[in-house]
PDB file of N, CA and C in Angstrom:
ATOM      1  N   MET A   1      -8.615  -1.811 -22.117  1.00  0.00           N
ATOM      2  CA  MET A   1      -7.561  -1.811 -21.833  1.00  0.00           C
ATOM      3  C   MET A   1      -7.332  -0.142 -21.525  1.00  0.00           C
ATOM      4  N   SER A   2      -7.075   0.064 -20.502  1.00  0.00           N
ATOM      5  CA  SER A   2      -6.704   1.780 -20.113  1.00  0.00           C
ATOM      6  C   SER A   2      -5.117   1.934 -21.128  1.00  0.00           C
ATOM      7  N   ASP A   3      -4.919   3.391 -21.174  1.00  0.00           N
ATOM      8  CA  ASP A   3      -4.118   3.626 -21.899  1.00  0.00           C
ATOM      9  C   ASP A   3      -2.763   3.419 -21.177  1.00  0.00           C
ATOM     10  N   SER A   4      -2.592   3.218 -19.705  1.00  0.00           N
ATOM     11  CA  SER A   4      -1.478   3.005 -19.011  1.00  0.00           C
ATOM     12  C   SER A   4      -1.743   1.511 -18.112  1.00  0.00           C
ATOM     13  N   LEU A   5      -0.550   0.847 -18.401  1.00  0.00           N
ATOM     14  CA  LEU A   5      -0.911  -0.560 -17.574  1.00  0.00           C
ATOM     15  C   LEU A   5      -0.661  -0.028 -16.031  1.00  0.00           C
ATOM     16  N   TRP A   6      -0.088   0.974 -15.410  1.00  0.00           N
ATOM     17  CA  TRP A   6      -0.024   1.368 -14.173  1.00  0.00           C
ATOM     18  C   TRP A   6      -1.194   2.448 -13.503  1.00  0.00           C
ATOM     19  N   GLY A   7      -2.441   2.106 -14.290  1.00  0.00           N
ATOM     20  CA  GLY A   7      -3.510   2.461 -13.404  1.00  0.00           C
ATOM     21  C   GLY A   7      -4.618   1.373 -13.716  1.00  0.00           C
ATOM     22  N   TYR A   8      -5.422   1.251 -12.610  1.00  0.00           N
ATOM     23  CA  TYR A   8      -6.419   0.545 -12.630  1.00  0.00           C
ATOM     24  C   TYR A   8      -7.440   0.949 -13.963  1.00  0.00           C
ATOM     25  N   GLN A   9      -8.413  -0.304 -14.657  1.00  0.00           N
ATOM     26  CA  GLN A   9      -8.966   0.243 -15.158  1.00  0.00           C
ATOM     27  C   GLN A   9     -10.302   0.442 -14.976  1.00  0.00           C
ATOM     28  N   PRO A  10     -10.862   1.736 -15.366  1.00  0.00           N
ATOM     29  CA  PRO A  10     -12.179   1.764 -14.697  1.00  0.00           C
ATOM     30  C   PRO A  10     -13.273   0.632 -14.951  1.00  0.00           C
ATOM     31  N   SER A  11     -13.348  -0.269 -15.790  1.00  0.00           N
ATOM     32  CA  SER A  11     -14.231  -1.381 -15.065  1.00  0.00           C
ATOM     33  C   SER A  11     -13.588  -2.603 -14.795  1.00  0.00           C
ATOM     34  N   SER A  12     -12.654  -2.661 -13.883  1.00  0.00           N
ATOM     35  CA  SER A  12     -12.304  -3.550 -12.787  1.00  0.00           C
ATOM     36  C   SER A  12     -12.920  -3.726 -11.733  1.00  0.00           C
ATOM     37  N   GLY A  13     -13.317  -2.765 -11.431  1.00  0.00           N
ATOM     38  CA  GLY A  13     -14.441  -2.841 -10.147  1.00  0.00           C
ATOM     39  C   GLY A  13     -13.276  -2.070  -8.732  1.00  0.00           C
ATOM     40  N   HIS A  14     -12.077  -1.959  -9.350  1.00  0.00           N
ATOM     41  CA  HIS A  14     -11.417  -1.219  -7.975  1.00  0.00           C
ATOM     42  C   HIS A  14     -11.867   0.234  -7.566  1.00  0.00           C
ATOM     43  N   SER A  15     -11.836   0.198  -6.650  1.00  0.00           N
ATOM     44  CA  SER A  15     -12.141   1.609  -5.644  1.00  0.00           C
ATOM     45  C   SER A  15     -10.934   1.886  -4.826  1.00  0.00           C
ATOM     46  N   THR A  16     -10.879   3.266  -4.478  1.00  0.00           N
ATOM     47  CA  THR A  16      -9.461   3.925  -4.264  1.00  0.00           C
ATOM     48  C   THR A  16      -9.841   3.593  -2.827  1.00  0.00           C
ATOM     49  N   GLY A  17      -8.687   3.057  -2.322  1.00  0.00           N
ATOM     50  CA  GLY A  17      -8.710   2.562  -0.906  1.00  0.00           C
ATOM     51  C   GLY A  17      -8.638   1.284  -0.412  1.00  0.00           C
ATOM     52  N   ALA A  18      -9.625   0.860  -1.220  1.00  0.00           N
ATOM     53  CA  ALA A  18     -10.028  -0.933  -1.163  1.00  0.00           C
ATOM     54  C   ALA A  18      -8.490  -1.648  -0.650  1.00  0.00           C
ATOM     55  N   GLU A  19      -9.088  -2.450   0.477  1.00  0.00           N
ATOM     56  CA  GLU A  19      -7.480  -3.263   1.019  1.00  0.00           C
ATOM     57  C   GLU A  19      -8.020  -4.516   0.062  1.00  0.00           C
ATOM     58  N   LEU A  20      -6.531  -4.854  -0.820  1.00  0.00           N
ATOM     59  CA  LEU A  20      -6.425  -6.249  -1.332  1.00  0.00           C
ATOM     60  C   LEU A  20      -5.439  -7.030  -0.679  1.00  0.00           C
ATOM     61  N   THR A  21      -4.674  -6.700   0.039  1.00  0.00           N
ATOM     62  CA  THR A  21      -3.705  -7.491   0.560  1.00  0.00           C
ATOM     63  C   THR A  21      -4.590  -8.943   1.062  1.00  0.00           C
ATOM     64  N   GLY A  22      -3.999 -10.094   0.572  1.00  0.00           N
ATOM     65  CA  GLY A  22      -4.358 -11.691   0.764  1.00  0.00           C
ATOM     66  C   GLY A  22      -5.569 -12.113   0.199  1.00  0.00           C
ATOM     67  N   TYR A  23      -5.975 -10.996  -1.061  1.00  0.00           N
ATOM     68  CA  TYR A  23      -6.866 -11.432  -2.292  1.00  0.00           C
ATOM     69  C   TYR A  23      -6.057 -12.560  -2.964  1.00  0.00           C
ATOM     70  N   ALA A  24      -6.962 -13.619  -3.392  1.00  0.00           N
ATOM     71  CA  ALA A  24      -6.216 -14.804  -4.265  1.00  0.00           C
ATOM     72  C   ALA A  24      -6.039 -14.122  -5.616  1.00  0.00           C
ATOM     73  N   VAL A  25      -5.106 -14.353  -6.426  1.00  0.00           N
ATOM     74  CA  VAL A  25      -4.903 -13.806  -7.965  1.00  0.00           C
ATOM     75  C   VAL A  25      -5.426 -14.600  -8.848  1.00  0.00           C
ATOM     76  N   GLU A  26      -6.169 -14.793  -9.655  1.00  0.00           N
ATOM     77  CA  GLU A  26      -6.318 -15.286 -10.859  1.00  0.00           C
ATOM     78  C   GLU A  26      -6.106 -14.955 -12.042  1.00  0.00           C
ATOM     79  N   ALA A  27      -5.119 -16.038 -12.851  1.00  0.00           N
ATOM     80  CA  ALA A  27      -4.899 -15.730 -13.930  1.00  0.00           C
ATOM     81  C   ALA A  27      -5.888 -16.085 -15.241  1.00  0.00           C
ATOM     82  N   THR A  28      -5.819 -16.329 -16.487  1.00  0.00           N
ATOM     83  CA  THR A  28      -6.828 -16.571 -17.155  1.00  0.00           C
ATOM     84  C   THR A  28      -7.094 -18.054 -17.145  1.00  0.00           C
ATOM     85  N   ASP A  29      -6.020 -18.943 -16.658  1.00  0.00           N
ATOM     86  CA  ASP A  29      -5.916 -20.169 -16.648  1.00  0.00           C
ATOM     87  C   ASP A  29      -5.755 -20.789 -15.392  1.00  0.00           C
ATOM     88  N   GLY A  30      -6.112 -20.022 -14.564  1.00  0.00           N
ATOM     89  CA  GLY A  30      -5.370 -20.570 -13.027  1.00  0.00           C
ATOM     90  C   GLY A  30      -5.327 -19.648 -11.991  1.00  0.00           C
ATOM     91  N   SER A  31      -5.188 -20.003 -10.611  1.00  0.00           N
ATOM     92  CA  SER A  31      -4.601 -19.504  -9.839  1.00  0.00           C
ATOM     93  C   SER A  31      -3.179 -19.182  -9.789  1.00  0.00           C
ATOM     94  N   ILE A  32      -2.529 -18.091  -9.508  1.00  0.00           N
ATOM     95  CA  ILE A  32      -1.290 -17.705  -9.527  1.00  0.00           C
ATOM     96  C   ILE A  32      -0.682 -17.357  -7.922  1.00  0.00           C
ATOM     97  N   GLY A  33      -1.651 -16.764  -7.205  1.00  0.00           N
ATOM     98  CA  GLY A  33      -1.033 -16.719  -5.960  1.00  0.00           C
ATOM     99  C   GLY A  33      -1.757 -15.866  -5.047  1.00  0.00           C
ATOM    100  N   LYS A  34      -1.237 -14.958  -4.473  1.00  0.00           N
ATOM    101  CA  LYS A  34      -2.004 -13.928  -3.231  1.00  0.00           C
ATOM    102  C   LYS A  34      -1.060 -12.737  -3.105  1.00  0.00           C
ATOM    103  N   VAL A  35      -1.916 -11.532  -3.026  1.00  0.00           N
ATOM    104  CA  VAL A  35      -1.594 -10.066  -2.836  1.00  0.00           C
ATOM    105  C   VAL A  35      -1.176 -10.243  -1.944  1.00  0.00           C
ATOM    106  N   ASP A  36       0.549  -9.945  -1.903  1.00  0.00           N
ATOM    107  CA  ASP A  36       1.100  -9.307  -0.756  1.00  0.00           C
ATOM    108  C   ASP A  36       1.015  -8.138  -0.335  1.00  0.00           C
ATOM    109  N   LYS A  37       1.126  -7.480  -1.338  1.00  0.00           N
ATOM    110  CA  LYS A  37       1.224  -5.677  -1.267  1.00  0.00           C
ATOM    111  C   LYS A  37       0.731  -5.190  -2.566  1.00  0.00           C
ATOM    112  N   HIS A  38       0.008  -4.106  -2.349  1.00  0.00           N
ATOM    113  CA  HIS A  38      -0.642  -3.374  -3.462  1.00  0.00           C
ATOM    114  C   HIS A  38      -0.537  -1.809  -3.503  1.00  0.00           C
ATOM    115  N   SER A  39      -0.498  -1.336  -4.578  1.00  0.00           N
ATOM    116  CA  SER A  39      -0.095   0.412  -4.389  1.00  0.00           C
ATOM    117  C   SER A  39      -0.852   0.705  -5.508  1.00  0.00           C
ATOM    118  N   GLU A  40      -1.943   1.980  -4.857  1.00  0.00           N
ATOM    119  CA  GLU A  40      -2.367   3.017  -6.026  1.00  0.00           C
ATOM    120  C   GLU A  40      -1.958   4.041  -6.626  1.00  0.00           C
ATOM    121  N   GLU A  41      -0.727   4.038  -6.298  1.00  0.00           N
ATOM    122  CA  GLU A  41       0.061   5.559  -6.569  1.00  0.00           C
ATOM    123  C   GLU A  41      -0.011   5.805  -7.867  1.00  0.00           C
ATOM    124  N   ALA A  42      -0.716   6.891  -8.380  1.00  0.00           N
ATOM    125  CA  ALA A  42      -1.186   7.275  -9.833  1.00  0.00           C
ATOM    126  C   ALA A  42       0.495   7.296 -10.685  1.00  0.00           C
ATOM    127  N   GLY A  43       0.356   6.477 -11.961  1.00  0.00           N
ATOM    128  CA  GLY A  43       1.170   6.036 -13.049  1.00  0.00           C
ATOM    129  C   GLY A  43       1.972   4.897 -12.402  1.00  0.00           C
ATOM    130  N   SER A  44       1.755   4.573 -11.147  1.00  0.00           N
ATOM    131  CA  SER A  44       2.720   3.453 -10.757  1.00  0.00           C
ATOM    132  C   SER A  44       1.595   2.397 -10.007  1.00  0.00           C
ATOM    133  N   ALA A  45       0.702   2.429 -10.261  1.00  0.00           N
ATOM    134  CA  ALA A  45      -0.171   1.366  -9.542  1.00  0.00           C
ATOM    135  C   ALA A  45       0.091  -0.438  -9.843  1.00  0.00           C
ATOM    136  N   HIS A  46      -0.053  -1.406  -9.032  1.00  0.00           N
ATOM    137  CA  HIS A  46       0.507  -2.377  -9.441  1.00  0.00           C
ATOM    138  C   HIS A  46       0.214  -3.256  -7.998  1.00  0.00           C
ATOM    139  N   LEU A  47       0.419  -4.492  -8.509  1.00  0.00           N
ATOM    140  CA  LEU A  47       0.172  -5.587  -7.087  1.00  0.00           C
ATOM    141  C   LEU A  47       1.501  -6.264  -6.943  1.00  0.00           C
ATOM    142  N   LEU A  48       1.668  -6.449  -6.172  1.00  0.00           N
ATOM    143  CA  LEU A  48       2.854  -7.503  -5.539  1.00  0.00           C
ATOM    144  C   LEU A  48       2.243  -8.646  -5.151  1.00  0.00           C
ATOM    145  N   VAL A  49       2.571 -10.242  -6.044  1.00  0.00           N
ATOM    146  CA  VAL A  49       1.821 -10.999  -5.547  1.00  0.00           C
ATOM    147  C   VAL A  49       2.990 -12.112  -5.203  1.00  0.00           C
ATOM    148  N   ASP A  50       2.519 -12.792  -4.215  1.00  0.00           N
ATOM    149  CA  ASP A  50       3.540 -14.045  -3.911  1.00  0.00           C
ATOM    150  C   ASP A  50       2.922 -15.361  -4.457  1.00  0.00           C
ATOM    151  N   THR A  51       3.357 -15.928  -5.184  1.00  0.00           N
ATOM    152  CA  THR A  51       3.254 -17.178  -6.136  1.00  0.00           C
ATOM    153  C   THR A  51       3.127 -18.130  -5.424  1.00  0.00           C
ATOM    154  N   GLY A  52       3.920 -18.235  -3.899  1.00  0.00           N
ATOM    155  CA  GLY A  52       3.928 -19.739  -2.962  1.00  0.00           C
ATOM    156  C   GLY A  52       4.679 -20.567  -3.877  1.00  0.00           C
ATOM    157  N   PRO A  53       4.629 -21.893  -3.699  1.00  0.00           N
ATOM    158  CA  PRO A  53       4.894 -23.022  -4.153  1.00  0.00           C
ATOM    159  C   PRO A  53       4.823 -23.061  -5.773  1.00  0.00           C
ATOM    160  N   TRP A  54       3.648 -22.581  -6.385  1.00  0.00           N
ATOM    161  CA  TRP A  54       3.341 -22.874  -7.736  1.00  0.00           C
ATOM    162  C   TRP A  54       4.834 -22.525  -8.429  1.00  0.00           C
ATOM    163  N   ILE A  55       5.497 -21.393  -8.242  1.00  0.00           N
ATOM    164  CA  ILE A  55       6.851 -21.062  -8.702  1.00  0.00           C
ATOM    165  C   ILE A  55       7.839 -20.594  -7.902  1.00  0.00           C
ATOM    166  N   PHE A  56       8.229 -21.818  -6.969  1.00  0.00           N
ATOM    167  CA  PHE A  56       8.785 -21.727  -5.911  1.00  0.00           C
ATOM    168  C   PHE A  56       8.710 -20.153  -5.006  1.00  0.00           C
ATOM    169  N   GLY A  57       7.808 -19.648  -4.667  1.00  0.00           N
ATOM    170  CA  GLY A  57       8.011 -18.782  -3.982  1.00  0.00           C
ATOM    171  C   GLY A  57       8.453 -17.400  -4.444  1.00  0.00           C
ATOM    172  N   LYS A  58       8.130 -17.517  -5.872  1.00  0.00           N
ATOM    173  CA  LYS A  58       8.565 -16.096  -6.694  1.00  0.00           C
ATOM    174  C   LYS A  58       7.700 -14.787  -6.542  1.00  0.00           C
ATOM    175  N   GLU A  59       8.219 -13.932  -6.243  1.00  0.00           N
ATOM    176  CA  GLU A  59       7.134 -12.618  -6.364  1.00  0.00           C
ATOM    177  C   GLU A  59       7.300 -11.867  -7.263  1.00  0.00           C
ATOM    178  N   VAL A  60       6.056 -11.592  -7.929  1.00  0.00           N
ATOM    179  CA  VAL A  60       5.953 -11.117  -9.034  1.00  0.00           C
ATOM    180  C   VAL A  60       5.329  -9.226  -9.070  1.00  0.00           C
ATOM    181  N   LEU A  61       5.492  -8.636  -9.812  1.00  0.00           N
ATOM    182  CA  LEU A  61       5.312  -7.278  -9.911  1.00  0.00           C
ATOM    183  C   LEU A  61       3.803  -6.971 -10.977  1.00  0.00           C
ATOM    184  N   ILE A  62       2.812  -6.912 -10.899  1.00  0.00           N
ATOM    185  CA  ILE A  62       1.740  -6.948 -11.976  1.00  0.00           C
ATOM    186  C   ILE A  62       1.352  -5.445 -11.944  1.00  0.00           C
ATOM    187  N   PRO A  63       1.646  -4.897 -13.347  1.00  0.00           N
ATOM    188  CA  PRO A  63       0.743  -3.581 -13.313  1.00  0.00           C
ATOM    189  C   PRO A  63      -0.525  -3.830 -13.156  1.00  0.00           C
ATOM    190  N   ALA A  64      -1.124  -2.557 -12.375  1.00  0.00           N
ATOM    191  CA  ALA A  64      -2.777  -2.668 -12.195  1.00  0.00           C
ATOM    192  C   ALA A  64      -3.359  -2.722 -13.795  1.00  0.00           C
ATOM    193  N   GLY A  65      -3.059  -2.033 -14.848  1.00  0.00           N
ATOM    194  CA  GLY A  65      -3.850  -2.309 -15.440  1.00  0.00           C
ATOM    195  C   GLY A  65      -4.277  -3.697 -16.364  1.00  0.00           C
ATOM    196  N   THR A  66      -3.640  -4.441 -15.769  1.00  0.00           N
ATOM    197  CA  THR A  66      -3.952  -5.909 -15.966  1.00  0.00           C
ATOM    198  C   THR A  66      -5.285  -6.692 -15.667  1.00  0.00           C
ATOM    199  N   VAL A  67      -5.471  -5.918 -14.553  1.00  0.00           N
ATOM    200  CA  VAL A  67      -7.008  -6.163 -13.485  1.00  0.00           C
ATOM    201  C   VAL A  67      -7.850  -6.084 -14.611  1.00  0.00           C
ATOM    202  N   THR A  68      -8.577  -6.892 -14.865  1.00  0.00           N
ATOM    203  CA  THR A  68     -10.044  -7.211 -15.267  1.00  0.00           C
ATOM    204  C   THR A  68     -11.308  -7.107 -14.430  1.00  0.00           C
ATOM    205  N   ARG A  69     -11.029  -7.638 -13.223  1.00  0.00           N
ATOM    206  CA  ARG A  69     -11.849  -7.905 -12.520  1.00  0.00           C
ATOM    207  C   ARG A  69     -11.736  -7.703 -10.769  1.00  0.00           C
ATOM    208  N   ILE A  70     -12.619  -6.959 -10.341  1.00  0.00           N
ATOM    209  CA  ILE A  70     -11.681  -7.381  -8.492  1.00  0.00           C
ATOM    210  C   ILE A  70     -13.273  -8.152  -8.212  1.00  0.00           C
ATOM    211  N   ASP A  71     -13.172  -9.064  -7.341  1.00  0.00           N
ATOM    212  CA  ASP A  71     -14.371  -9.477  -6.643  1.00  0.00           C
ATOM    213  C   ASP A  71     -14.151  -9.894  -5.033  1.00  0.00           C
ATOM    214  N   HIS A  72     -14.921  -8.309  -4.475  1.00  0.00           N
ATOM    215  CA  HIS A  72     -14.745  -8.139  -3.222  1.00  0.00           C
ATOM    216  C   HIS A  72     -15.425  -9.320  -2.371  1.00  0.00           C
ATOM    217  N   ALA A  73     -16.348  -9.928  -2.671  1.00  0.00           N
ATOM    218  CA  ALA A  73     -17.085 -10.926  -2.022  1.00  0.00           C
ATOM    219  C   ALA A  73     -16.440 -12.191  -1.569  1.00  0.00           C
ATOM    220  N   ASP A  74     -15.527 -12.679  -2.697  1.00  0.00           N
ATOM    221  CA  ASP A  74     -14.805 -13.939  -2.850  1.00  0.00           C
ATOM    222  C   ASP A  74     -13.124 -13.542  -2.630  1.00  0.00           C
ATOM    223  N   GLU A  75     -13.044 -12.347  -2.644  1.00  0.00           N
ATOM    224  CA  GLU A  75     -11.730 -11.835  -2.248  1.00  0.00           C
ATOM    225  C   GLU A  75     -10.846 -12.647  -3.712  1.00  0.00           C
ATOM    226  N   LYS A  76     -10.964 -12.181  -4.744  1.00  0.00           N
ATOM    227  CA  LYS A  76     -10.160 -12.643  -5.620  1.00  0.00           C
ATOM    228  C   LYS A  76     -10.144 -11.575  -6.501  1.00  0.00           C
ATOM    229  N   VAL A  77      -8.833 -11.595  -7.180  1.00  0.00           N
ATOM    230  CA  VAL A  77      -8.432 -10.388  -8.360  1.00  0.00           C
ATOM    231  C   VAL A  77      -8.101 -10.993  -9.531  1.00  0.00           C
ATOM    232  N   TYR A  78      -8.681 -10.833 -10.355  1.00  0.00           N
ATOM    233  CA  TYR A  78      -8.305 -11.157 -11.707  1.00  0.00           C
ATOM    234  C   TYR A  78      -7.738 -10.516 -12.797  1.00  0.00           C
ATOM    235  N   VAL A  79      -6.814 -11.258 -13.492  1.00  0.00           N
ATOM    236  CA  VAL A  79      -5.737 -10.437 -14.448  1.00  0.00           C
ATOM    237  C   VAL A  79      -5.872 -11.421 -15.718  1.00  0.00           C
ATOM    238  N   ASP A  80      -5.932 -10.700 -16.876  1.00  0.00           N
ATOM    239  CA  ASP A  80      -5.786 -10.594 -18.454  1.00  0.00           C
ATOM    240  C   ASP A  80      -4.165 -11.066 -18.645  1.00  0.00           C
ATOM    241  N   LEU A  81      -3.762 -12.367 -18.188  1.00  0.00           N
ATOM    242  CA  LEU A  81      -2.478 -12.910 -18.270  1.00  0.00           C
ATOM    243  C   LEU A  81      -2.847 -14.381 -17.822  1.00  0.00           C
ATOM    244  N   THR A  82      -1.871 -15.089 -18.938  1.00  0.00           N
ATOM    245  CA  THR A  82      -1.929 -16.610 -18.451  1.00  0.00           C
ATOM    246  C   THR A  82      -0.734 -16.911 -17.291  1.00  0.00           C
ATOM    247  N   LYS A  83      -0.899 -18.022 -16.878  1.00  0.00           N
ATOM    248  CA  LYS A  83      -0.036 -18.327 -15.448  1.00  0.00           C
ATOM    249  C   LYS A  83       1.294 -18.314 -16.419  1.00  0.00           C
ATOM    250  N   ASP A  84       1.684 -18.773 -17.740  1.00  0.00           N
ATOM    251  CA  ASP A  84       2.970 -18.813 -18.420  1.00  0.00           C
ATOM    252  C   ASP A  84       3.350 -17.346 -18.248  1.00  0.00           C
ATOM    253  N   GLN A  85       2.607 -16.428 -18.798  1.00  0.00           N
ATOM    254  CA  GLN A  85       2.769 -14.983 -18.985  1.00  0.00           C
ATOM    255  C   GLN A  85       3.743 -14.225 -17.227  1.00  0.00           C
ATOM    256  N   VAL A  86       2.846 -14.662 -16.413  1.00  0.00           N
ATOM    257  CA  VAL A  86       3.414 -14.095 -15.105  1.00  0.00           C
ATOM    258  C   VAL A  86       4.495 -14.777 -14.834  1.00  0.00           C
ATOM    259  N   LYS A  87       4.516 -16.198 -15.066  1.00  0.00           N
ATOM    260  CA  LYS A  87       5.890 -17.044 -14.826  1.00  0.00           C
ATOM    261  C   LYS A  87       7.058 -16.819 -15.708  1.00  0.00           C
ATOM    262  N   ASP A  88       7.119 -15.894 -16.381  1.00  0.00           N
ATOM    263  CA  ASP A  88       8.020 -15.861 -17.478  1.00  0.00           C
ATOM    264  C   ASP A  88       8.447 -14.422 -17.454  1.00  0.00           C
ATOM    265  N   SER A  89       7.854 -13.324 -16.738  1.00  0.00           N
ATOM    266  CA  SER A  89       7.772 -11.837 -16.327  1.00  0.00           C
ATOM    267  C   SER A  89       9.175 -11.654 -15.933  1.00  0.00           C
ATOM    268  N   PRO A  90       9.547 -10.424 -15.892  1.00  0.00           N
ATOM    269  CA  PRO A  90      11.062 -10.207 -15.619  1.00  0.00           C
ATOM    270  C   PRO A  90      11.018 -10.190 -13.940  1.00  0.00           C
ATOM    271  N   GLU A  91      12.019 -10.777 -13.598  1.00  0.00           N
ATOM    272  CA  GLU A  91      12.771 -11.139 -12.209  1.00  0.00           C
ATOM    273  C   GLU A  91      12.076 -10.085 -11.266  1.00  0.00           C
ATOM    274  N   PHE A  92      11.733 -10.420 -10.040  1.00  0.00           N
ATOM    275  CA  PHE A  92      11.815  -9.075  -9.335  1.00  0.00           C
ATOM    276  C   PHE A  92      12.163  -9.242  -7.868  1.00  0.00           C
ATOM    277  N   ASP A  93      13.070  -8.101  -7.676  1.00  0.00           N
ATOM    278  CA  ASP A  93      13.486  -8.363  -6.561  1.00  0.00           C
ATOM    279  C   ASP A  93      13.133  -7.099  -5.471  1.00  0.00           C
ATOM    280  N   ARG A  94      12.397  -7.211  -4.380  1.00  0.00           N
ATOM    281  CA  ARG A  94      11.452  -6.091  -3.628  1.00  0.00           C
ATOM    282  C   ARG A  94      12.496  -5.103  -3.319  1.00  0.00           C
ATOM    283  N   HIS A  95      13.618  -5.421  -2.856  1.00  0.00           N
ATOM    284  CA  HIS A  95      14.909  -4.476  -2.163  1.00  0.00           C
ATOM    285  C   HIS A  95      15.122  -3.511  -3.517  1.00  0.00           C
ATOM    286  N   ARG A  96      15.039  -4.132  -4.703  1.00  0.00           N
ATOM    287  CA  ARG A  96      15.769  -3.380  -5.820  1.00  0.00           C
ATOM    288  C   ARG A  96      14.523  -2.147  -6.806  1.00  0.00           C
ATOM    289  N   HIS A  97      13.652  -3.592  -6.896  1.00  0.00           N
ATOM    290  CA  HIS A  97      12.648  -3.167  -7.629  1.00  0.00           C
ATOM    291  C   HIS A  97      11.056  -1.948  -7.547  1.00  0.00           C
ATOM    292  N   THR A  98      10.911  -2.258  -6.452  1.00  0.00           N
ATOM    293  CA  THR A  98      10.030  -1.475  -6.071  1.00  0.00           C
ATOM    294  C   THR A  98       9.489  -0.085  -6.723  1.00  0.00           C
ATOM    295  N   GLU A  99      10.806   0.510  -6.498  1.00  0.00           N
ATOM    296  CA  GLU A  99      10.558   2.315  -7.111  1.00  0.00           C
ATOM    297  C   GLU A  99      11.365   2.539  -8.174  1.00  0.00           C
ATOM    298  N   ASP A 100      11.802   1.185  -8.773  1.00  0.00           N
ATOM    299  CA  ASP A 100      12.820   1.617  -9.908  1.00  0.00           C
ATOM    300  C   ASP A 100      11.948   1.696 -11.112  1.00  0.00           C
ATOM    301  N   PRO A 101      12.389   3.240 -11.687  1.00  0.00           N
ATOM    302  CA  PRO A 101      11.519   3.200 -13.142  1.00  0.00           C
ATOM    303  C   PRO A 101      12.217   2.727 -14.222  1.00  0.00           C
ATOM    304  N   ALA A 102      13.555   2.029 -14.198  1.00  0.00           N
ATOM    305  CA  ALA A 102      13.893   1.213 -15.536  1.00  0.00           C
ATOM    306  C   ALA A 102      13.262   0.038 -15.254  1.00  0.00           C
ATOM    307  N   TYR A 103      13.149  -0.581 -14.136  1.00  0.00           N
ATOM    308  CA  TYR A 103      11.983  -2.080 -13.858  1.00  0.00           C
ATOM    309  C   TYR A 103      10.884  -1.863 -14.310  1.00  0.00           C
ATOM    310  N   HIS A 104      10.214  -0.424 -14.092  1.00  0.00           N
ATOM    311  CA  HIS A 104       8.237  -0.431 -14.380  1.00  0.00           C
ATOM    312  C   HIS A 104       8.901  -0.392 -15.924  1.00  0.00           C
ATOM    313  N   GLN A 105       9.624   0.567 -16.787  1.00  0.00           N
ATOM    314  CA  GLN A 105      10.062   0.417 -17.824  1.00  0.00           C
ATOM    315  C   GLN A 105       9.957  -1.181 -18.709  1.00  0.00           C
ATOM    316  N   GLU A 106      10.922  -1.863 -17.880  1.00  0.00           N
ATOM    317  CA  GLU A 106      11.068  -3.227 -18.478  1.00  0.00           C
ATOM    318  C   GLU A 106       9.578  -4.109 -18.516  1.00  0.00           C
ATOM    319  N   LEU A 107       9.143  -3.905 -17.021  1.00  0.00           N
ATOM    320  CA  LEU A 107       7.765  -4.655 -17.304  1.00  0.00           C
ATOM    321  C   LEU A 107       6.550  -3.960 -18.229  1.00  0.00           C
ATOM    322  N   SER A 108       6.528  -2.625 -18.658  1.00  0.00           N
ATOM    323  CA  SER A 108       5.887  -2.357 -19.498  1.00  0.00           C
ATOM    324  C   SER A 108       6.067  -2.832 -20.659  1.00  0.00           C
ATOM    325  N   SER A 109       7.323  -3.088 -21.339  1.00  0.00           N
ATOM    326  CA  SER A 109       7.935  -3.434 -22.300  1.00  0.00           C
ATOM    327  C   SER A 109       7.217  -5.021 -22.584  1.00  0.00           C
ATOM    328  N   TYR A 110       7.305  -5.834 -21.485  1.00  0.00           N
ATOM    329  CA  TYR A 110       7.226  -7.143 -21.357  1.00  0.00           C
ATOM    330  C   TYR A 110       5.580  -7.204 -21.215  1.00  0.00           C
ATOM    331  N   TYR A 111       4.909  -6.504 -20.680  1.00  0.00           N
ATOM    332  CA  TYR A 111       2.962  -6.898 -20.795  1.00  0.00           C
ATOM    333  C   TYR A 111       2.561  -6.234 -21.975  1.00  0.00           C
ATOM    334  N   MET A 112       3.277  -5.261 -22.365  1.00  0.00           N
ATOM    335  CA  MET A 112       2.560  -4.608 -23.884  1.00  0.00           C
ATOM    336  C   MET A 112       2.536  -5.522 -24.708  1.00  0.00           C
ATOM    337  N   ALA A 113       3.814  -6.475 -24.492  1.00  0.00           N
ATOM    338  CA  ALA A 113       3.835  -7.153 -25.880  1.00  0.00           C
ATOM    339  C   ALA A 113       2.419  -8.041 -26.343  1.00  0.00           C
ATOM    340  N   PHE A 114       1.920  -8.653 -25.040  1.00  0.00           N
ATOM    341  CA  PHE A 114       0.758  -9.261 -25.176  1.00  0.00           C
ATOM    342  C   PHE A 114      -0.762  -9.054 -25.521  1.00  0.00           C
ATOM    343  N   ARG A 115      -0.233  -7.164 -25.491  1.00  0.00           N
ATOM    344  CA  ARG A 115      -1.334  -6.464 -25.545  1.00  0.00           C
ATOM    345  C   ARG A 115      -1.661  -6.080 -27.239  1.00  0.00           C
ATOM    346  N   LEU A 116      -0.563  -6.424 -27.831  1.00  0.00           N
ATOM    347  CA  LEU A 116      -0.395  -5.908 -29.204  1.00  0.00           C
ATOM    348  C   LEU A 116      -0.896  -7.131 -30.473  1.00  0.00           C
ATOM    349  N   ARG A 117      -1.475  -7.811 -29.899  1.00  0.00           N
ATOM    350  CA  ARG A 117      -1.838  -9.230 -30.775  1.00  0.00           C
ATOM    351  C   ARG A 117      -2.610  -9.000 -31.804  1.00  0.00           C
TER     352      ARG A 117
END
């Protein structure tokens, strides 16, 4: 795990400029949706995942630091989270939360709780 949730782990296989939109996103226990958008912004890198019908079309913002592996051949992104952890994450509103530092802090607190086991 990198020191920051908001940056890709060096071991993830992420390369700057790689297009991840449309890639399937896999939790540790199954598929959670597709990458709708992603950001590589330093200190704020993340995936915006459309969960589709799995949790009624909810969009979730997942910090890039949870990405464990990117498989470009199969167009899949693997995250070190369970489906329930993603499902129970703080609600995301695209129009209010994308650049909101307070929301990023809320997400950091939520996801870091799973790193301190």
